[in-house]
Amino acid sequence: QVQLVESGGGLVQAGGSLRLSCAASGRTFSSYTMGWFRQAAGKERESVAAISWSSASTYYADSVKGRFTISRDNAKNTVYLQMNSLKPEDTAVYYCASGRPLGSRRLGDASEYSYWGHGTQVTVSS
C-alpha cells in the first residue's frame, strides 16, 4: 500500500512558477514510477509528467514540455513538479500517482498507475 499526499498548489499569476511536491509513504517508493496528472473543471484527466524509479526515463505532455520539470528524491520518498511560465490553461487539480508502467511508452498512461493522491489545486490567473 502506498499513500500519496500532494502539496504546493495555489494561486499564481500567468508567467509565474510553482513547485508541487508529493510525499509518499511506504518503503517501496523507490521501486515505483511516479506521475503527475491534472484535471481541469469540466475536462477529462490528462497526463502531465512522469519519472521512472531510477529517474532514467521521463515523460512530459506536449503542452508542458520546456516549462515543467519532474524530479524525485528516493531518500525522501518525494517527487516534485517544478512548473515555470505558467499559463491560465494550466489551471487544474494536480494529482500525484505511483505505479509500474510496462515500458517507457506507457509512462503517461493513467491506467498504469495504482495509487493516487487527493490532489492539489493550481490556479493561474491571467
C-alpha atoms as a PDB file:
ATOM      1  CA  GLN A   1       0.000   0.000   0.000  1.00  0.00           C
ATOM      2  CA  VAL A   2       1.248   3.455  -0.917  1.00  0.00           C
ATOM      3  CA  GLN A   3      -0.239   6.704   0.328  1.00  0.00           C
ATOM      4  CA  LEU A   4       0.435   9.917  -1.536  1.00  0.00           C
ATOM      5  CA  VAL A   5      -0.019  13.480  -0.317  1.00  0.00           C
ATOM      6  CA  GLU A   6       0.387  16.426  -2.656  1.00  0.00           C
ATOM      7  CA  SER A   7       1.287  19.964  -1.611  1.00  0.00           C
ATOM      8  CA  GLY A   8       2.450  23.231  -3.114  1.00  0.00           C
ATOM      9  CA  GLY A   9      -0.587  24.252  -5.098  1.00  0.00           C
ATOM     10  CA  GLY A  10      -2.006  27.737  -5.000  1.00  0.00           C
ATOM     11  CA  LEU A  11      -2.861  30.864  -6.928  1.00  0.00           C
ATOM     12  CA  VAL A  12      -0.239  32.381  -9.205  1.00  0.00           C
ATOM     13  CA  GLN A  13      -0.213  34.932 -11.996  1.00  0.00           C
ATOM     14  CA  ALA A  14       0.460  33.913 -15.566  1.00  0.00           C
ATOM     15  CA  GLY A  15       4.187  33.629 -16.152  1.00  0.00           C
ATOM     16  CA  GLY A  16       4.838  32.667 -12.563  1.00  0.00           C
ATOM     17  CA  SER A  17       6.132  29.454 -11.044  1.00  0.00           C
ATOM     18  CA  LEU A  18       5.034  26.836  -8.548  1.00  0.00           C
ATOM     19  CA  ARG A  19       6.664  23.722  -7.207  1.00  0.00           C
ATOM     20  CA  LEU A  20       4.441  20.804  -6.350  1.00  0.00           C
ATOM     21  CA  SER A  21       5.577  18.071  -4.002  1.00  0.00           C
ATOM     22  CA  CYS A  22       4.199  14.609  -3.442  1.00  0.00           C
ATOM     23  CA  ALA A  23       5.212  12.765  -0.298  1.00  0.00           C
ATOM     24  CA  ALA A  24       4.798   9.009  -0.354  1.00  0.00           C
ATOM     25  CA  SER A  25       4.530   6.565   2.493  1.00  0.00           C
ATOM     26  CA  GLY A  26       5.884   3.071   2.349  1.00  0.00           C
ATOM     27  CA  ARG A  27       9.295   1.537   1.947  1.00  0.00           C
ATOM     28  CA  THR A  28       8.826   0.656  -1.711  1.00  0.00           C
ATOM     29  CA  PHE A  29       8.638   4.211  -3.050  1.00  0.00           C
ATOM     30  CA  SER A  30      11.921   3.862  -4.902  1.00  0.00           C
ATOM     31  CA  SER A  31      10.591   0.938  -6.918  1.00  0.00           C
ATOM     32  CA  TYR A  32       7.621   2.837  -8.351  1.00  0.00           C
ATOM     33  CA  THR A  33       7.295   5.084 -11.342  1.00  0.00           C
ATOM     34  CA  MET A  34       5.758   8.384 -10.262  1.00  0.00           C
ATOM     35  CA  GLY A  35       3.455  10.519 -12.352  1.00  0.00           C
ATOM     36  CA  TRP A  36       1.647  13.819 -12.258  1.00  0.00           C
ATOM     37  CA  PHE A  37      -1.770  14.176 -13.797  1.00  0.00           C
ATOM     38  CA  ARG A  38      -4.243  17.038 -13.835  1.00  0.00           C
ATOM     39  CA  GLN A  39      -7.916  17.604 -14.304  1.00  0.00           C
ATOM     40  CA  ALA A  40      -9.442  20.943 -15.135  1.00  0.00           C
ATOM     41  CA  ALA A  41     -13.054  21.702 -14.348  1.00  0.00           C
ATOM     42  CA  GLY A  42     -15.331  20.062 -16.887  1.00  0.00           C
ATOM     43  CA  LYS A  43     -12.481  18.261 -18.618  1.00  0.00           C
ATOM     44  CA  GLU A  44     -11.021  14.793 -18.557  1.00  0.00           C
ATOM     45  CA  ARG A  45      -7.933  13.950 -16.574  1.00  0.00           C
ATOM     46  CA  GLU A  46      -4.732  14.256 -18.558  1.00  0.00           C
ATOM     47  CA  SER A  47      -1.167  13.243 -18.019  1.00  0.00           C
ATOM     48  CA  VAL A  48       1.407  15.908 -17.259  1.00  0.00           C
ATOM     49  CA  ALA A  49       4.722  14.233 -16.483  1.00  0.00           C
ATOM     50  CA  ALA A  50       6.195  11.002 -15.166  1.00  0.00           C
ATOM     51  CA  ILE A  51       9.531   9.700 -13.969  1.00  0.00           C
ATOM     52  CA  SER A  52      10.807   6.159 -13.656  1.00  0.00           C
ATOM     53  CA  TRP A  53      12.049   4.702 -10.377  1.00  0.00           C
ATOM     54  CA  SER A  54      15.687   5.414 -11.268  1.00  0.00           C
ATOM     55  CA  SER A  55      14.969   8.791 -12.905  1.00  0.00           C
ATOM     56  CA  ALA A  56      16.430   7.341 -16.108  1.00  0.00           C
ATOM     57  CA  SER A  57      13.190   7.838 -18.034  1.00  0.00           C
ATOM     58  CA  THR A  58      10.891  10.810 -18.032  1.00  0.00           C
ATOM     59  CA  TYR A  59       7.735  11.732 -19.876  1.00  0.00           C
ATOM     60  CA  TYR A  60       6.154  15.112 -20.495  1.00  0.00           C
ATOM     61  CA  ALA A  61       2.923  16.035 -22.177  1.00  0.00           C
ATOM     62  CA  ASP A  62       3.481  18.239 -25.198  1.00  0.00           C
ATOM     63  CA  SER A  63       1.592  21.056 -23.511  1.00  0.00           C
ATOM     64  CA  VAL A  64       4.157  21.329 -20.693  1.00  0.00           C
ATOM     65  CA  LYS A  65       7.435  20.442 -22.400  1.00  0.00           C
ATOM     66  CA  GLY A  66      10.078  23.054 -21.764  1.00  0.00           C
ATOM     67  CA  ARG A  67       8.091  24.580 -18.890  1.00  0.00           C
ATOM     68  CA  PHE A  68       7.650  21.779 -16.336  1.00  0.00           C
ATOM     69  CA  THR A  69      10.311  19.552 -14.801  1.00  0.00           C
ATOM     70  CA  ILE A  70       9.670  16.374 -12.838  1.00  0.00           C
ATOM     71  CA  SER A  71      12.217  15.048 -10.362  1.00  0.00           C
ATOM     72  CA  ARG A  72      12.328  12.683  -7.425  1.00  0.00           C
ATOM     73  CA  ASP A  73      14.298  12.137  -4.255  1.00  0.00           C
ATOM     74  CA  ASN A  74      14.055   8.489  -3.276  1.00  0.00           C
ATOM     75  CA  ALA A  75      15.777   9.141   0.037  1.00  0.00           C
ATOM     76  CA  LYS A  76      12.929  11.496   0.948  1.00  0.00           C
ATOM     77  CA  ASN A  77      10.148   9.469  -0.693  1.00  0.00           C
ATOM     78  CA  THR A  78       9.163  12.588  -2.584  1.00  0.00           C
ATOM     79  CA  VAL A  79       8.508  13.529  -6.180  1.00  0.00           C
ATOM     80  CA  TYR A  80       8.431  17.114  -7.396  1.00  0.00           C
ATOM     81  CA  LEU A  81       6.935  19.027 -10.268  1.00  0.00           C
ATOM     82  CA  GLN A  82       8.568  22.368 -10.982  1.00  0.00           C
ATOM     83  CA  MET A  83       6.197  24.451 -13.054  1.00  0.00           C
ATOM     84  CA  ASN A  84       7.506  27.565 -14.767  1.00  0.00           C
ATOM     85  CA  SER A  85       5.961  30.013 -17.219  1.00  0.00           C
ATOM     86  CA  LEU A  86       2.534  29.037 -16.033  1.00  0.00           C
ATOM     87  CA  LYS A  87      -0.457  29.745 -18.221  1.00  0.00           C
ATOM     88  CA  PRO A  88      -4.145  30.093 -17.369  1.00  0.00           C
ATOM     89  CA  GLU A  89      -4.744  26.805 -19.185  1.00  0.00           C
ATOM     90  CA  ASP A  90      -2.571  25.073 -16.586  1.00  0.00           C
ATOM     91  CA  THR A  91      -5.309  25.688 -14.035  1.00  0.00           C
ATOM     92  CA  ALA A  92      -6.432  22.319 -12.690  1.00  0.00           C
ATOM     93  CA  VAL A  93      -6.312  19.943  -9.778  1.00  0.00           C
ATOM     94  CA  TYR A  94      -2.958  18.193  -9.923  1.00  0.00           C
ATOM     95  CA  TYR A  95      -2.714  14.593  -8.815  1.00  0.00           C
ATOM     96  CA  CYS A  96       0.298  12.517  -7.929  1.00  0.00           C
ATOM     97  CA  ALA A  97       0.245   8.818  -8.770  1.00  0.00           C
ATOM     98  CA  SER A  98       2.505   5.808  -8.438  1.00  0.00           C
ATOM     99  CA  GLY A  99       2.632   2.653 -10.475  1.00  0.00           C
ATOM    100  CA  ARG A 100       4.701   0.286 -12.537  1.00  0.00           C
ATOM    101  CA  PRO A 101       4.052   1.080 -16.220  1.00  0.00           C
ATOM    102  CA  LEU A 102       5.249  -1.583 -18.601  1.00  0.00           C
ATOM    103  CA  GLY A 103       7.754   0.335 -20.644  1.00  0.00           C
ATOM    104  CA  SER A 104       8.641   3.966 -21.123  1.00  0.00           C
ATOM    105  CA  ARG A 105       5.911   4.404 -23.737  1.00  0.00           C
ATOM    106  CA  ARG A 106       3.279   3.894 -21.068  1.00  0.00           C
ATOM    107  CA  LEU A 107       4.593   6.436 -18.581  1.00  0.00           C
ATOM    108  CA  GLY A 108       1.780   8.824 -19.436  1.00  0.00           C
ATOM    109  CA  ASP A 109      -0.978   6.207 -19.302  1.00  0.00           C
ATOM    110  CA  ALA A 110      -3.132   6.745 -16.206  1.00  0.00           C
ATOM    111  CA  SER A 111      -4.338   3.144 -16.273  1.00  0.00           C
ATOM    112  CA  GLU A 112      -0.802   2.035 -15.415  1.00  0.00           C
ATOM    113  CA  TYR A 113      -0.927   3.766 -12.034  1.00  0.00           C
ATOM    114  CA  SER A 114      -2.319   2.039  -8.965  1.00  0.00           C
ATOM    115  CA  TYR A 115      -2.112   4.644  -6.224  1.00  0.00           C
ATOM    116  CA  TRP A 116      -3.353   8.208  -6.310  1.00  0.00           C
ATOM    117  CA  GLY A 117      -3.242  11.236  -4.057  1.00  0.00           C
ATOM    118  CA  HIS A 118      -6.187  13.524  -3.346  1.00  0.00           C
ATOM    119  CA  GLY A 119      -4.851  16.361  -5.453  1.00  0.00           C
ATOM    120  CA  THR A 120      -3.796  19.974  -5.027  1.00  0.00           C
ATOM    121  CA  GLN A 121      -5.400  22.937  -6.753  1.00  0.00           C
ATOM    122  CA  VAL A 122      -3.336  25.094  -9.075  1.00  0.00           C
ATOM    123  CA  THR A 123      -4.945  28.291 -10.311  1.00  0.00           C
ATOM    124  CA  VAL A 124      -3.215  30.560 -12.810  1.00  0.00           C
ATOM    125  CA  SER A 125      -4.720  33.996 -13.265  1.00  0.00           C
ATOM    126  CA  SER A 126      -4.362  35.988 -16.463  1.00  0.00           C
END
